[in-house]
Protein backbone atom coordinates (compact mmCIF):
# COMPACT_ATOMS: atom_id res chain seq x y z
CA MET A 1 -16.08 -35.49 45.02
CA ALA A 2 -16.50 -33.19 41.87
CA LYS A 3 -14.00 -35.12 39.90
CA TYR A 4 -15.68 -38.56 40.93
CA MET A 5 -18.97 -37.29 39.74
CA VAL A 6 -17.50 -36.31 36.58
CA LEU A 7 -15.82 -39.72 35.93
CA ILE A 8 -19.23 -41.47 36.70
CA ALA A 9 -20.79 -39.14 33.86
CA SER A 10 -18.11 -40.02 31.63
CA SER A 11 -18.98 -43.64 31.68
CA VAL A 12 -21.82 -42.68 29.47
CA LEU A 13 -19.75 -40.51 27.07
CA PHE A 14 -17.26 -43.14 26.46
CA LEU A 15 -19.78 -45.68 25.36
CA ALA A 16 -20.18 -43.57 22.24
CA ALA A 17 -16.76 -44.33 20.96
CA GLY A 18 -17.70 -48.08 20.39
CA VAL A 19 -21.25 -48.44 20.70
CA PRO A 20 -24.16 -46.63 18.47
CA ALA A 21 -26.67 -44.32 20.15
CA THR A 22 -29.42 -46.82 19.47
CA LEU A 23 -27.70 -49.06 22.22
CA HIS A 24 -29.66 -46.82 24.81
CA ALA A 25 -32.95 -46.86 22.96
CA GLN A 26 -35.79 -49.02 23.40
CA GLN A 27 -35.38 -51.95 21.02
CA ILE A 28 -37.53 -54.90 20.15
CA PRO A 29 -35.59 -58.00 21.36
CA TYR A 30 -34.20 -60.44 18.74
CA ALA A 31 -33.23 -64.08 19.75
CA ARG A 32 -31.07 -64.11 16.54
CA GLY A 33 -29.78 -62.13 13.51
CA LEU A 34 -28.40 -58.90 15.05
CA ASP A 35 -24.65 -58.09 15.58
CA VAL A 36 -22.27 -57.65 18.04
CA SER A 37 -20.56 -54.20 18.69
CA PRO A 38 -17.15 -53.99 20.48
CA THR A 39 -17.11 -51.12 23.12
CA TYR A 40 -14.27 -48.91 24.47
CA ASP A 41 -14.87 -48.61 28.00
CA GLY A 42 -12.23 -46.16 29.04
CA TRP A 43 -8.53 -45.87 30.12
CA GLU A 44 -6.28 -45.83 33.31
CA GLN A 45 -2.62 -44.58 33.57
CA ASN A 46 -0.33 -47.07 35.32
CA ALA A 47 2.30 -46.74 37.80
CA ASP A 48 4.96 -46.83 35.34
CA GLY A 49 3.30 -44.30 33.11
CA SER A 50 1.82 -46.75 30.54
CA TYR A 51 -1.88 -46.68 30.05
CA THR A 52 -4.31 -49.35 30.20
CA MET A 53 -7.43 -49.27 27.80
CA HIS A 54 -10.55 -51.15 28.61
CA PHE A 55 -12.63 -53.06 26.02
CA GLY A 56 -16.01 -54.82 26.23
CA TYR A 57 -18.65 -55.58 23.85
CA PHE A 58 -22.47 -55.74 23.30
CA ASN A 59 -24.32 -58.67 21.74
CA ARG A 60 -27.73 -57.30 20.62
CA ASN A 61 -29.24 -60.73 20.48
CA THR A 62 -31.03 -62.66 23.31
CA GLN A 63 -30.08 -66.15 22.44
CA GLN A 64 -27.34 -66.08 19.89
CA GLU A 65 -23.71 -66.50 20.85
CA PHE A 66 -20.78 -66.34 18.41
CA ASN A 67 -17.15 -67.80 18.09
CA ILE A 68 -15.28 -65.43 15.84
CA PRO A 69 -11.58 -66.39 15.36
CA ILE A 70 -8.83 -63.90 15.31
CA GLY A 71 -8.52 -62.75 11.88
CA PRO A 72 -10.00 -60.41 9.44
CA ASP A 73 -13.59 -60.51 11.40
CA ASN A 74 -12.00 -60.10 14.78
CA ASN A 75 -8.75 -58.18 15.01
CA ILE A 76 -7.26 -55.11 16.85
CA ASP A 77 -5.05 -53.00 14.53
CA GLY A 78 -5.02 -56.19 12.18
CA GLY A 79 -3.75 -58.58 15.02
CA ASP A 80 -4.40 -60.33 18.25
CA LYS A 81 -4.43 -58.16 21.57
CA GLY A 82 -6.03 -60.80 23.58
CA GLN A 83 -9.66 -60.00 22.86
CA PRO A 84 -12.39 -62.68 23.27
CA THR A 85 -13.34 -65.07 20.44
CA HIS A 86 -16.69 -66.26 22.19
CA PHE A 87 -19.29 -63.71 22.61
CA TYR A 88 -22.17 -64.08 25.07
CA THR A 89 -25.34 -62.13 24.74
CA ASP A 90 -26.04 -58.76 26.22
CA ARG A 91 -23.55 -56.01 27.31
CA LYS A 92 -20.10 -57.03 28.88
CA TRP A 93 -17.92 -54.70 30.54
CA TRP A 94 -14.40 -54.49 31.16
CA VAL A 95 -13.47 -57.86 29.07
CA PHE A 96 -10.06 -57.28 28.31
CA ASP A 97 -7.28 -54.63 28.20
CA VAL A 98 -4.69 -53.15 25.82
CA VAL A 99 -1.77 -51.54 27.42
CA VAL A 100 0.06 -48.99 25.53
CA PRO A 101 3.55 -47.13 26.23
CA LYS A 102 3.65 -43.70 28.28
CA ASP A 103 4.82 -41.80 25.18
CA TRP A 104 1.51 -43.02 23.34
CA PRO A 105 0.18 -39.92 21.31
CA LYS A 106 -2.99 -38.85 23.08
CA ASP A 107 -5.08 -38.91 19.86
CA LYS A 108 -3.68 -42.34 18.54
CA ARG A 109 -6.35 -44.86 18.32
CA VAL A 110 -6.64 -48.51 19.19
CA VAL A 111 -9.04 -50.02 16.88
CA TRP A 112 -10.99 -53.28 17.38
CA THR A 113 -12.83 -54.46 14.10
CA LEU A 114 -15.66 -57.11 14.70
CA THR A 115 -17.81 -58.65 12.15
CA THR A 116 -20.99 -60.81 12.93
CA ASN A 117 -23.81 -61.73 10.95
CA GLY A 118 -22.55 -59.64 8.10
CA ARG A 119 -22.02 -56.34 9.68
CA THR A 120 -18.70 -54.88 10.74
CA ASN A 121 -18.39 -52.80 13.58
CA GLN A 122 -15.36 -50.96 15.30
CA ALA A 123 -14.47 -49.52 18.72
CA LYS A 124 -11.66 -46.83 18.80
CA GLY A 125 -10.03 -46.17 21.99
CA TRP A 126 -7.77 -43.31 22.65
CA LEU A 127 -6.65 -41.27 25.79
CA GLN A 128 -9.54 -38.81 25.78
CA PRO A 129 -9.21 -37.09 29.06
CA GLU A 130 -13.15 -37.30 29.83
CA TRP A 131 -12.68 -41.13 29.20
CA GLU A 132 -10.41 -41.81 32.27
CA VAL A 133 -11.76 -44.10 34.70
CA ASP A 134 -10.76 -45.16 38.24
CA LYS A 135 -11.59 -48.15 40.54
CA GLY A 136 -14.79 -46.52 41.72
CA VAL A 137 -15.93 -46.06 37.96
CA ILE A 138 -15.03 -49.62 36.94
CA ALA A 139 -16.73 -51.10 40.04
CA LYS A 140 -20.12 -49.01 39.57
CA ASN A 141 -20.25 -49.99 35.72
CA ALA A 142 -19.23 -53.60 36.32
CA ALA A 143 -22.41 -53.72 38.45
CA ARG A 144 -24.51 -53.63 35.14
CA ASP A 145 -22.75 -56.88 33.90
CA PRO A 146 -24.34 -59.95 35.80
CA SER A 147 -21.36 -62.24 35.01
CA LEU A 148 -18.89 -60.17 36.86
CA MET A 149 -21.11 -60.44 40.00
CA THR A 150 -20.59 -57.24 41.36
CA ALA A 151 -23.06 -55.39 43.73
CA GLY A 152 -25.55 -52.84 42.51
CA THR A 153 -24.60 -49.04 42.76
CA ASN A 154 -27.17 -48.26 45.44
CA GLU A 155 -26.17 -51.13 47.87
CA ARG A 156 -23.12 -49.55 49.19
CA ASP A 157 -20.51 -46.86 48.73
CA ILE A 158 -17.13 -47.75 47.13
CA ASP A 159 -14.53 -49.00 49.56
CA HIS A 160 -11.45 -47.34 48.28
CA GLU A 161 -9.30 -49.60 50.54
CA ASN A 162 -10.46 -52.80 48.85
CA THR A 163 -7.97 -54.79 46.79
CA ALA A 164 -8.97 -57.35 44.22
CA PRO A 165 -9.05 -61.06 44.90
CA LYS A 166 -6.25 -63.24 44.01
CA ILE A 167 -6.43 -66.40 42.10
CA ALA A 168 -3.94 -69.30 42.42
CA PRO A 169 -2.34 -70.51 39.31
CA ILE A 170 -3.97 -73.25 37.18
CA PRO A 171 -1.92 -75.09 34.71
CA PRO A 172 -2.87 -75.47 31.04
CA GLN A 173 -4.87 -78.41 30.39
CA THR A 174 -5.34 -81.14 27.71
CA ILE A 175 -8.38 -83.41 27.11
CA ASN A 176 -10.14 -85.46 24.31
CA VAL A 177 -13.09 -84.31 23.03
CA ALA A 178 -15.16 -87.25 23.96
CA ASP A 179 -13.96 -86.72 27.82
CA THR A 180 -14.97 -84.35 30.37
CA LEU A 181 -12.68 -81.83 31.84
CA THR A 182 -12.61 -81.38 35.61
CA VAL A 183 -10.93 -78.20 36.53
CA ALA A 184 -10.78 -76.13 39.97
CA ALA A 185 -10.15 -72.34 40.80
CA THR A 186 -9.47 -71.12 44.19
CA ALA A 187 -9.39 -67.34 45.13
CA THR A 188 -8.57 -65.55 48.29
CA ASP A 189 -9.55 -61.88 49.23
CA ASP A 190 -8.62 -59.35 51.80
CA GLY A 191 -12.09 -59.25 53.36
CA ARG A 192 -13.21 -56.19 52.02
CA PRO A 193 -15.73 -54.73 51.48
CA LYS A 194 -16.75 -55.66 54.96
CA PRO A 195 -20.33 -57.32 54.83
CA ALA A 196 -23.04 -55.96 56.72
CA SER A 197 -23.61 -59.18 58.65
CA PRO A 198 -20.82 -61.89 59.49
CA ASN A 199 -23.31 -64.71 58.41
CA THR A 200 -24.33 -63.40 55.25
CA THR A 201 -24.14 -65.57 51.90
CA THR A 202 -24.99 -62.58 49.60
CA GLU A 203 -21.67 -60.83 50.10
CA GLY A 204 -18.21 -61.99 49.97
CA LEU A 205 -16.16 -63.79 47.44
CA ARG A 206 -17.66 -65.64 44.44
CA LEU A 207 -16.25 -67.63 41.43
CA ARG A 208 -17.63 -68.11 37.96
CA TRP A 209 -16.38 -70.02 34.90
CA ILE A 210 -16.85 -68.49 31.21
CA ASP A 211 -15.78 -69.61 27.74
CA TYR A 212 -13.51 -66.93 26.69
CA ARG A 213 -11.81 -68.18 23.51
CA GLY A 214 -12.42 -71.28 21.19
CA PRO A 215 -13.83 -72.61 17.95
CA ALA A 216 -17.02 -74.00 19.44
CA ASN A 217 -19.44 -73.38 22.55
CA VAL A 218 -18.53 -75.27 25.73
CA ARG A 219 -20.75 -76.26 28.66
CA PHE A 220 -19.86 -75.87 32.45
CA ASP A 221 -21.44 -77.75 35.28
CA PRO A 222 -21.70 -75.65 37.28
CA ASP A 223 -20.41 -72.29 35.97
CA ILE A 224 -20.87 -70.32 39.27
CA MET A 225 -20.86 -70.68 43.05
CA PRO A 226 -24.51 -70.74 44.39
CA ASN A 227 -23.37 -68.34 47.34
CA ARG A 228 -20.48 -66.01 48.31
CA VAL A 229 -18.17 -66.94 50.99
CA HIS A 230 -16.47 -64.42 53.56
CA GLY A 231 -13.31 -64.83 55.65
CA LYS A 232 -11.85 -68.17 53.80
CA PRO A 233 -10.87 -68.93 50.39
CA ALA A 234 -13.34 -69.77 47.66
CA THR A 235 -13.26 -72.77 45.40
CA LEU A 236 -15.27 -73.54 42.31
CA GLU A 237 -14.94 -77.02 40.78
CA THR A 238 -16.39 -77.40 37.42
CA LYS A 239 -16.89 -80.11 34.75
CA VAL A 240 -16.33 -78.96 31.15
CA LYS A 241 -17.82 -80.46 27.98
CA PHE A 242 -16.41 -79.77 24.55
CA THR A 243 -18.15 -80.46 21.31
CA GLU A 244 -15.20 -79.83 18.99
CA PRO A 245 -11.47 -80.17 18.98
CA GLY A 246 -9.30 -77.22 19.15
CA GLU A 247 -7.41 -74.52 21.27
CA TYR A 248 -9.80 -73.14 23.94
CA VAL A 249 -9.22 -70.28 26.88
CA LEU A 250 -11.28 -70.97 29.88
CA ARG A 251 -11.76 -67.82 31.98
CA VAL A 252 -12.41 -67.92 35.88
CA ILE A 253 -13.86 -64.71 37.30
CA ALA A 254 -13.36 -63.89 40.98
CA SER A 255 -15.51 -61.13 42.61
CA ASP A 256 -15.46 -59.61 46.06
CA GLY A 257 -18.78 -57.88 45.05
CA GLU A 258 -16.99 -54.85 44.16
CA LEU A 259 -13.65 -55.63 42.43
CA VAL A 260 -13.11 -58.46 40.05
CA THR A 261 -9.97 -60.63 38.93
CA GLU A 262 -9.57 -62.88 35.92
CA TYR A 263 -7.37 -65.71 35.02
CA ASP A 264 -7.40 -67.46 31.90
CA VAL A 265 -6.58 -71.45 31.38
CA PRO A 266 -5.37 -72.68 28.05
CA VAL A 267 -6.93 -75.83 27.17
CA THR A 268 -6.04 -78.12 24.29
CA VAL A 269 -9.08 -80.29 23.16
CA ARG A 270 -7.80 -83.38 21.06
CA ARG A 271 -9.87 -85.62 18.80
């Protein structure tokens, strides 16, 4: 229990690696004109000895979203490590991972550089012992991000026997920019954490679609399931509209209220 409480406390500390201290201060909300800070959300050691570093971001604007292509304004150590190119407003946790080998030097940095509205920020991740996270820390911090659809930390204790949902494979898609793409995602789960009532629609499995990469904003109709389901697969079919041609990545998120699984769908939008 003592170790677990230290890890929870470290979730505040590791924010400092990627987010200025002003993030936690009271600020006047701005619709547009502010910047996006990449964040380092901690690390885990994998079964094979390698390490997974977790990254997210904080968009300080209340309305302005960004599409920042991979390149000088959006790179990790000068390249592409799977980071997003579309940035929603507010704080987004556990957005993507960077895996490093087991012999990775403990003080070597993974540096994400992001420039928005003329300001350049960096998140620097390394294997600081206090920044190690586990399933409990991830689940509790994910509750701060509504897009991940996890439960509040006061609603229940972490179910350590729970396993993350599984999303059925979805093939890459091709569509003309003037047309509407219809795409469906289906997820299954182990039924944990168990709901308080068998007939509840506020606990269980839920799906959401988001825009992860692309040259322009996209619109989903709908973007999220209205209710959770329990004891059966969850399916969310959405219609997607694009405004510009190009290469996109649509991400579907499955949440059981505690753990999250993500699946990325490449989409080619032609003229």
